[in-house]
C-alpha atoms as a PDB file:
ATOM      1  CA  MET A   1       0.361  -0.085  -0.017  1.00  0.00           C
ATOM      2  CA  THR A   2       1.310   3.621  -1.115  1.00  0.00           C
ATOM      3  CA  PRO A   3       1.405   5.732   2.141  1.00  0.00           C
ATOM      4  CA  HIS A   4      -0.281   9.167   1.999  1.00  0.00           C
ATOM      5  CA  PRO A   5       1.033  11.681   0.513  1.00  0.00           C
ATOM      6  CA  HIS A   6       0.658  13.999   3.502  1.00  0.00           C
ATOM      7  CA  THR A   7       2.627  10.531   5.875  1.00  0.00           C
ATOM      8  CA  ARG A   8       5.006   9.558   3.268  1.00  0.00           C
ATOM      9  CA  TYR A   9       7.435  12.423   4.561  1.00  0.00           C
ATOM     10  CA  ARG A  10       6.206  12.282   8.753  1.00  0.00           C
ATOM     11  CA  ARG A  11       7.493  14.646  10.539  1.00  0.00           C
ATOM     12  CA  TYR A  12       8.614  14.432  14.321  1.00  0.00           C
ATOM     13  CA  TRP A  13       8.843  17.599  16.704  1.00  0.00           C
ATOM     14  CA  PHE A  14      12.089  15.098  18.500  1.00  0.00           C
ATOM     15  CA  PRO A  15      15.230  13.576  16.942  1.00  0.00           C
ATOM     16  CA  LYS A  16      14.813   9.749  17.362  1.00  0.00           C
ATOM     17  CA  HIS A  17      18.701  10.013  19.268  1.00  0.00           C
ATOM     18  CA  TYR A  18      17.149  12.032  22.173  1.00  0.00           C
ATOM     19  CA  ALA A  19      14.136  10.361  21.949  1.00  0.00           C
ATOM     20  CA  ASP A  20      15.839   6.711  22.347  1.00  0.00           C
ATOM     21  CA  GLU A  21      17.881   8.444  24.864  1.00  0.00           C
ATOM     22  CA  VAL A  22      14.953  10.132  26.960  1.00  0.00           C
ATOM     23  CA  GLN A  23      13.093   7.092  27.384  1.00  0.00           C
ATOM     24  CA  ARG A  24      15.862   5.989  30.282  1.00  0.00           C
ATOM     25  CA  LEU A  25      14.904   8.745  31.782  1.00  0.00           C
ATOM     26  CA  ARG A  26      11.159   7.488  32.756  1.00  0.00           C
ATOM     27  CA  VAL A  27      11.883   4.896  35.545  1.00  0.00           C
ATOM     28  CA  PRO A  28      14.188   7.562  37.391  1.00  0.00           C
ATOM     29  CA  LEU A  29      11.612  10.271  36.327  1.00  0.00           C
ATOM     30  CA  GLY A  30       9.009   8.241  37.986  1.00  0.00           C
ATOM     31  CA  PHE A  31      10.947   7.355  41.727  1.00  0.00           C
ATOM     32  CA  VAL A  32      11.601  11.320  41.124  1.00  0.00           C
ATOM     33  CA  MET A  33       7.615  12.049  40.739  1.00  0.00           C
ATOM     34  CA  VAL A  34       6.785   9.399  43.531  1.00  0.00           C
ATOM     35  CA  ALA A  35       9.133  11.019  45.974  1.00  0.00           C
ATOM     36  CA  ILE A  36       7.787  14.983  45.143  1.00  0.00           C
ATOM     37  CA  PHE A  37       4.275  13.166  46.091  1.00  0.00           C
ATOM     38  CA  ALA A  38       4.749  11.969  49.088  1.00  0.00           C
ATOM     39  CA  TRP A  39       6.892  14.850  50.396  1.00  0.00           C
ATOM     40  CA  ARG A  40       5.140  17.400  49.473  1.00  0.00           C
ATOM     41  CA  ALA A  41       1.089  15.783  49.478  1.00  0.00           C
ATOM     42  CA  ASP A  42      -1.039  18.187  51.562  1.00  0.00           C
ATOM     43  CA  PRO A  43      -4.455  16.226  50.889  1.00  0.00           C
ATOM     44  CA  GLN A  44      -7.948  17.524  52.168  1.00  0.00           C
ATOM     45  CA  SER A  45     -11.225  15.968  51.955  1.00  0.00           C
ATOM     46  CA  TRP A  46     -12.443  18.316  48.964  1.00  0.00           C
ATOM     47  CA  SER A  47      -8.735  18.039  46.770  1.00  0.00           C
ATOM     48  CA  LEU A  48      -9.626  14.043  47.143  1.00  0.00           C
ATOM     49  CA  ILE A  49     -12.744  14.292  45.715  1.00  0.00           C
ATOM     50  CA  ALA A  50     -12.564  16.178  43.138  1.00  0.00           C
ATOM     51  CA  GLY A  51      -8.683  15.132  42.629  1.00  0.00           C
ATOM     52  CA  GLY A  52      -9.940  11.312  42.539  1.00  0.00           C
ATOM     53  CA  GLY A  53     -13.092  11.753  39.646  1.00  0.00           C
ATOM     54  CA  ILE A  54     -10.288  13.458  37.146  1.00  0.00           C
ATOM     55  CA  ALA A  55      -7.929  10.543  38.093  1.00  0.00           C
ATOM     56  CA  ALA A  56     -10.973   7.606  38.003  1.00  0.00           C
ATOM     57  CA  ILE A  57     -10.953   8.720  34.457  1.00  0.00           C
ATOM     58  CA  GLY A  58      -8.716   8.389  33.105  1.00  0.00           C
ATOM     59  CA  LEU A  59      -7.991   4.822  34.748  1.00  0.00           C
ATOM     60  CA  LEU A  60     -11.019   3.825  32.672  1.00  0.00           C
ATOM     61  CA  LEU A  61      -9.728   5.503  29.502  1.00  0.00           C
ATOM     62  CA  ARG A  62      -7.049   3.271  30.171  1.00  0.00           C
ATOM     63  CA  ALA A  63      -8.927   0.067  31.005  1.00  0.00           C
ATOM     64  CA  TRP A  64     -11.127   1.056  28.099  1.00  0.00           C
ATOM     65  CA  ALA A  65      -8.061   0.974  25.692  1.00  0.00           C
ATOM     66  CA  ALA A  66      -6.255  -2.362  27.171  1.00  0.00           C
ATOM     67  CA  GLY A  67      -9.611  -3.934  26.482  1.00  0.00           C
ATOM     68  CA  HIS A  68      -8.973  -3.788  22.383  1.00  0.00           C
ATOM     69  CA  LEU A  69      -4.923  -3.247  22.705  1.00  0.00           C
ATOM     70  CA  ALA A  70      -2.989  -7.027  21.007  1.00  0.00           C
ATOM     71  CA  LYS A  71       0.087  -5.543  20.991  1.00  0.00           C
ATOM     72  CA  ASN A  72       2.204  -5.845  17.657  1.00  0.00           C
ATOM     73  CA  GLN A  73      -0.511  -7.903  16.638  1.00  0.00           C
ATOM     74  CA  ILE A  74      -3.257  -5.836  14.898  1.00  0.00           C
ATOM     75  CA  LEU A  75      -3.203  -2.691  14.290  1.00  0.00           C
ATOM     76  CA  ALA A  76      -5.829  -0.998  17.352  1.00  0.00           C
ATOM     77  CA  THR A  77      -8.670   0.653  15.674  1.00  0.00           C
ATOM     78  CA  THR A  78     -11.257  -0.226  18.059  1.00  0.00           C
ATOM     79  CA  GLY A  79     -12.886   1.031  20.952  1.00  0.00           C
ATOM     80  CA  PRO A  80     -11.073   4.902  21.990  1.00  0.00           C
ATOM     81  CA  PHE A  81      -8.563   4.100  19.368  1.00  0.00           C
ATOM     82  CA  GLY A  82     -12.076   4.571  16.693  1.00  0.00           C
ATOM     83  CA  HIS A  83     -11.263   8.264  18.063  1.00  0.00           C
ATOM     84  CA  VAL A  84      -7.531   8.986  19.403  1.00  0.00           C
ATOM     85  CA  ARG A  85      -4.400   7.171  18.414  1.00  0.00           C
ATOM     86  CA  ASN A  86      -2.596   7.415  21.815  1.00  0.00           C
ATOM     87  CA  PRO A  87      -5.944   7.358  24.431  1.00  0.00           C
ATOM     88  CA  LEU A  88      -3.398   5.302  27.725  1.00  0.00           C
ATOM     89  CA  TYR A  89      -0.945   8.031  26.839  1.00  0.00           C
ATOM     90  CA  ILE A  90      -4.412  10.830  28.004  1.00  0.00           C
ATOM     91  CA  GLY A  91      -5.318   8.664  30.682  1.00  0.00           C
ATOM     92  CA  THR A  92      -2.084   8.911  32.240  1.00  0.00           C
ATOM     93  CA  LEU A  93      -1.466  12.652  31.469  1.00  0.00           C
ATOM     94  CA  THR A  94      -5.855  13.040  33.484  1.00  0.00           C
ATOM     95  CA  VAL A  95      -4.788  10.243  36.123  1.00  0.00           C
ATOM     96  CA  ALA A  96      -1.852  12.730  36.845  1.00  0.00           C
ATOM     97  CA  MET A  97      -3.430  15.725  36.680  1.00  0.00           C
ATOM     98  CA  GLY A  98      -5.547  14.041  38.943  1.00  0.00           C
ATOM     99  CA  VAL A  99      -3.431  13.044  41.388  1.00  0.00           C
ATOM    100  CA  ALA A 100      -2.081  16.563  41.571  1.00  0.00           C
ATOM    101  CA  LEU A 101      -5.356  18.314  42.449  1.00  0.00           C
ATOM    102  CA  ALA A 102      -5.515  15.661  44.869  1.00  0.00           C
ATOM    103  CA  ALA A 103      -2.440  15.847  46.708  1.00  0.00           C
ATOM    104  CA  ARG A 104      -2.616  19.790  46.048  1.00  0.00           C
ATOM    105  CA  GLU A 105       0.601  20.127  44.616  1.00  0.00           C
ATOM    106  CA  VAL A 106       1.283  22.292  41.616  1.00  0.00           C
ATOM    107  CA  TRP A 107       5.114  21.800  41.129  1.00  0.00           C
ATOM    108  CA  LEU A 108       3.857  17.895  40.384  1.00  0.00           C
ATOM    109  CA  ALA A 109       1.139  19.619  38.268  1.00  0.00           C
ATOM    110  CA  ILE A 110       4.353  20.936  36.571  1.00  0.00           C
ATOM    111  CA  LEU A 111       6.623  18.532  36.840  1.00  0.00           C
ATOM    112  CA  PHE A 112       4.191  15.686  35.141  1.00  0.00           C
ATOM    113  CA  ALA A 113       3.435  18.329  32.144  1.00  0.00           C
ATOM    114  CA  ALA A 114       6.689  18.684  31.934  1.00  0.00           C
ATOM    115  CA  ALA A 115       7.006  15.355  31.780  1.00  0.00           C
ATOM    116  CA  PHE A 116       4.781  14.276  29.480  1.00  0.00           C
ATOM    117  CA  VAL A 117       5.645  17.098  26.431  1.00  0.00           C
ATOM    118  CA  PHE A 118      10.009  16.109  26.841  1.00  0.00           C
ATOM    119  CA  VAL A 119       9.066  12.083  28.090  1.00  0.00           C
ATOM    120  CA  TYR A 120       5.878  10.638  26.869  1.00  0.00           C
ATOM    121  CA  LEU A 121       5.059  12.638  23.636  1.00  0.00           C
ATOM    122  CA  PRO A 122       8.895  11.235  22.420  1.00  0.00           C
ATOM    123  CA  ALA A 123       8.331   7.560  23.224  1.00  0.00           C
ATOM    124  CA  VAL A 124       4.523   8.447  20.860  1.00  0.00           C
ATOM    125  CA  GLU A 125       6.654   9.669  18.166  1.00  0.00           C
ATOM    126  CA  LEU A 126       8.867   6.716  18.894  1.00  0.00           C
ATOM    127  CA  GLU A 127       5.792   4.274  18.555  1.00  0.00           C
ATOM    128  CA  GLU A 128       4.155   5.693  16.157  1.00  0.00           C
ATOM    129  CA  GLN A 129       7.389   4.860  14.328  1.00  0.00           C
ATOM    130  CA  HIS A 130       7.249   1.363  15.115  1.00  0.00           C
ATOM    131  CA  LEU A 131       3.462   1.601  14.259  1.00  0.00           C
ATOM    132  CA  ARG A 132       4.540   2.531  10.800  1.00  0.00           C
ATOM    133  CA  ALA A 133       6.851   0.122  10.050  1.00  0.00           C
ATOM    134  CA  LEU A 134       5.058  -2.794  11.345  1.00  0.00           C
ATOM    135  CA  PHE A 135       1.617  -2.187   9.949  1.00  0.00           C
ATOM    136  CA  SER A 136       0.946  -1.281   6.059  1.00  0.00           C
ATOM    137  CA  ASP A 137      -2.785   0.580   7.088  1.00  0.00           C
ATOM    138  CA  TYR A 138      -1.342   2.818  10.020  1.00  0.00           C
ATOM    139  CA  ALA A 139      -0.614   5.399   7.807  1.00  0.00           C
ATOM    140  CA  ASP A 140      -4.372   5.507   6.503  1.00  0.00           C
ATOM    141  CA  TYR A 141      -5.574   5.170  10.166  1.00  0.00           C
ATOM    142  CA  ALA A 142      -3.130   8.094  10.857  1.00  0.00           C
ATOM    143  CA  GLU A 143      -4.972  10.581   8.370  1.00  0.00           C
ATOM    144  CA  GLU A 144      -7.926   9.684   9.728  1.00  0.00           C
ATOM    145  CA  VAL A 145      -7.818   9.913  13.949  1.00  0.00           C
ATOM    146  CA  PRO A 146      -5.854  12.662  15.416  1.00  0.00           C
ATOM    147  CA  MET A 147      -2.448  11.790  17.837  1.00  0.00           C
ATOM    148  CA  LEU A 148      -3.800  13.359  20.865  1.00  0.00           C
ATOM    149  CA  ALA A 149      -7.034  15.390  20.633  1.00  0.00           C
ATOM    150  CA  PRO A 150      -9.723  13.113  19.978  1.00  0.00           C
ATOM    151  CA  ARG A 151     -12.029  13.340  16.252  1.00  0.00           C
ATOM    152  CA  TRP A 152     -15.418  11.589  17.644  1.00  0.00           C
ATOM    153  CA  LYS A 153     -16.381  10.713  13.969  1.00  0.00           C
ATOM    154  CA  THR A 154     -13.785   8.569  11.813  1.00  0.00           C
ATOM    155  CA  ALA A 155     -14.329   5.383  10.159  1.00  0.00           C
ATOM    156  CA  TYR A 156     -13.362   3.649  13.056  1.00  0.00           C
ATOM    157  CA  GLY A 157     -14.468   2.391  16.452  1.00  0.00           C
ATOM    158  CA  GLY A 158     -17.007   0.421  17.290  1.00  0.00           C
ATOM    159  CA  GLY A 159     -15.651  -3.448  18.257  1.00  0.00           C
ATOM    160  CA  ARG A 160     -15.514  -5.473  21.522  1.00  0.00           C
ATOM    161  CA  PHE A 161     -13.639  -4.973  25.204  1.00  0.00           C
ATOM    162  CA  ARG A 162     -11.916  -7.801  25.927  1.00  0.00           C
ATOM    163  CA  TRP A 163     -11.043  -8.490  29.922  1.00  0.00           C
ATOM    164  CA  ALA A 164      -8.342 -11.006  28.308  1.00  0.00           C
ATOM    165  CA  LEU A 165      -6.551  -7.645  27.123  1.00  0.00           C
ATOM    166  CA  TRP A 166      -6.966  -5.623  29.335  1.00  0.00           C
ATOM    167  CA  ALA A 167      -5.110  -8.542  31.589  1.00  0.00           C
ATOM    168  CA  ARG A 168      -3.295  -9.374  29.464  1.00  0.00           C
ATOM    169  CA  ASN A 169      -1.624  -5.828  29.149  1.00  0.00           C
ATOM    170  CA  GLN A 170      -1.068  -5.558  32.864  1.00  0.00           C
ATOM    171  CA  GLU A 171      -3.627  -2.562  33.387  1.00  0.00           C
ATOM    172  CA  TYR A 172      -4.785  -4.167  37.186  1.00  0.00           C
ATOM    173  CA  GLN A 173      -1.695  -2.871  38.260  1.00  0.00           C
ATOM    174  CA  ALA A 174      -2.821   1.114  37.115  1.00  0.00           C
ATOM    175  CA  LEU A 175      -5.548   0.116  39.036  1.00  0.00           C
ATOM    176  CA  LEU A 176      -2.986  -0.897  42.277  1.00  0.00           C
ATOM    177  CA  GLY A 177      -0.818   1.833  41.810  1.00  0.00           C
ATOM    178  CA  LEU A 178      -3.798   4.405  41.702  1.00  0.00           C
ATOM    179  CA  SER A 179      -5.308   2.910  44.977  1.00  0.00           C
ATOM    180  CA  ALA A 180      -2.325   2.964  47.111  1.00  0.00           C
ATOM    181  CA  GLY A 181      -1.204   6.636  46.124  1.00  0.00           C
ATOM    182  CA  PHE A 182      -4.937   7.654  47.030  1.00  0.00           C
ATOM    183  CA  ALA A 183      -4.978   5.537  50.281  1.00  0.00           C
ATOM    184  CA  TYR A 184      -1.206   7.660  51.228  1.00  0.00           C
ATOM    185  CA  LEU A 185      -3.400  10.895  50.104  1.00  0.00           C
ATOM    186  CA  ALA A 186      -6.173   9.946  51.995  1.00  0.00           C
ATOM    187  CA  TRP A 187      -4.416   8.753  55.435  1.00  0.00           C
ATOM    188  CA  ARG A 188      -1.998  12.743  54.826  1.00  0.00           C
ATOM    189  CA  ALA A 189      -5.784  14.393  54.919  1.00  0.00           C
ATOM    190  CA  GLY A 190      -6.151  12.360  58.049  1.00  0.00           C
ATOM    191  CA  VAL A 191      -9.587  10.673  56.241  1.00  0.00           C
ATOM    192  CA  LEU A 192      -8.154   7.854  56.580  1.00  0.00           C
ATOM    193  CA  ALA A 193      -6.661   5.808  59.532  1.00  0.00           C
ATOM    194  CA  ALA A 194      -2.699   4.691  59.487  1.00  0.00           C
ATOM    195  CA  PRO A 195      -3.118   0.081  59.550  1.00  0.00           C
ATOM    196  CA  TRP A 196      -0.207  -0.090  61.757  1.00  0.00           C
END
């Protein structure tokens, strides 16, 4: 299949060597964010409710996407992938903003936003290059479905959510991690008694 003329010479925001290098920072950066979260969090009941609602929306989006994603086997175009190419990353950003609101820590929100732009967007571009090489129909899909801003009317969508895919993609880890984070915030806010 001949690539669409607009995608044949797809330009990326980040050079590949930068994207490759910055991926090594994802785990250490995660530890830094957890440390800031644990040290600086100052939650209150209202922030737990508001931030928890936002984080839950992000978690549901991630779960919905995970139930439609058979990595490296079939191009995911159903469920949320019918509206946006990177629903897992959008879900992660939504969860992060909910956690920052719940923790009432502006520096955490700034760090999350910077990490999304300078670490996760390069990862999105690397994955797109991988998918373009792996699936011949990716270029057509990318022409119809936006990278990050959802479009509700596309030629894609539908499909059936599969719990087996959700489990294979280990999305339960996000649920467990978020639950632990909010339990800690509830304890810091005095809403939840410490178990020890």
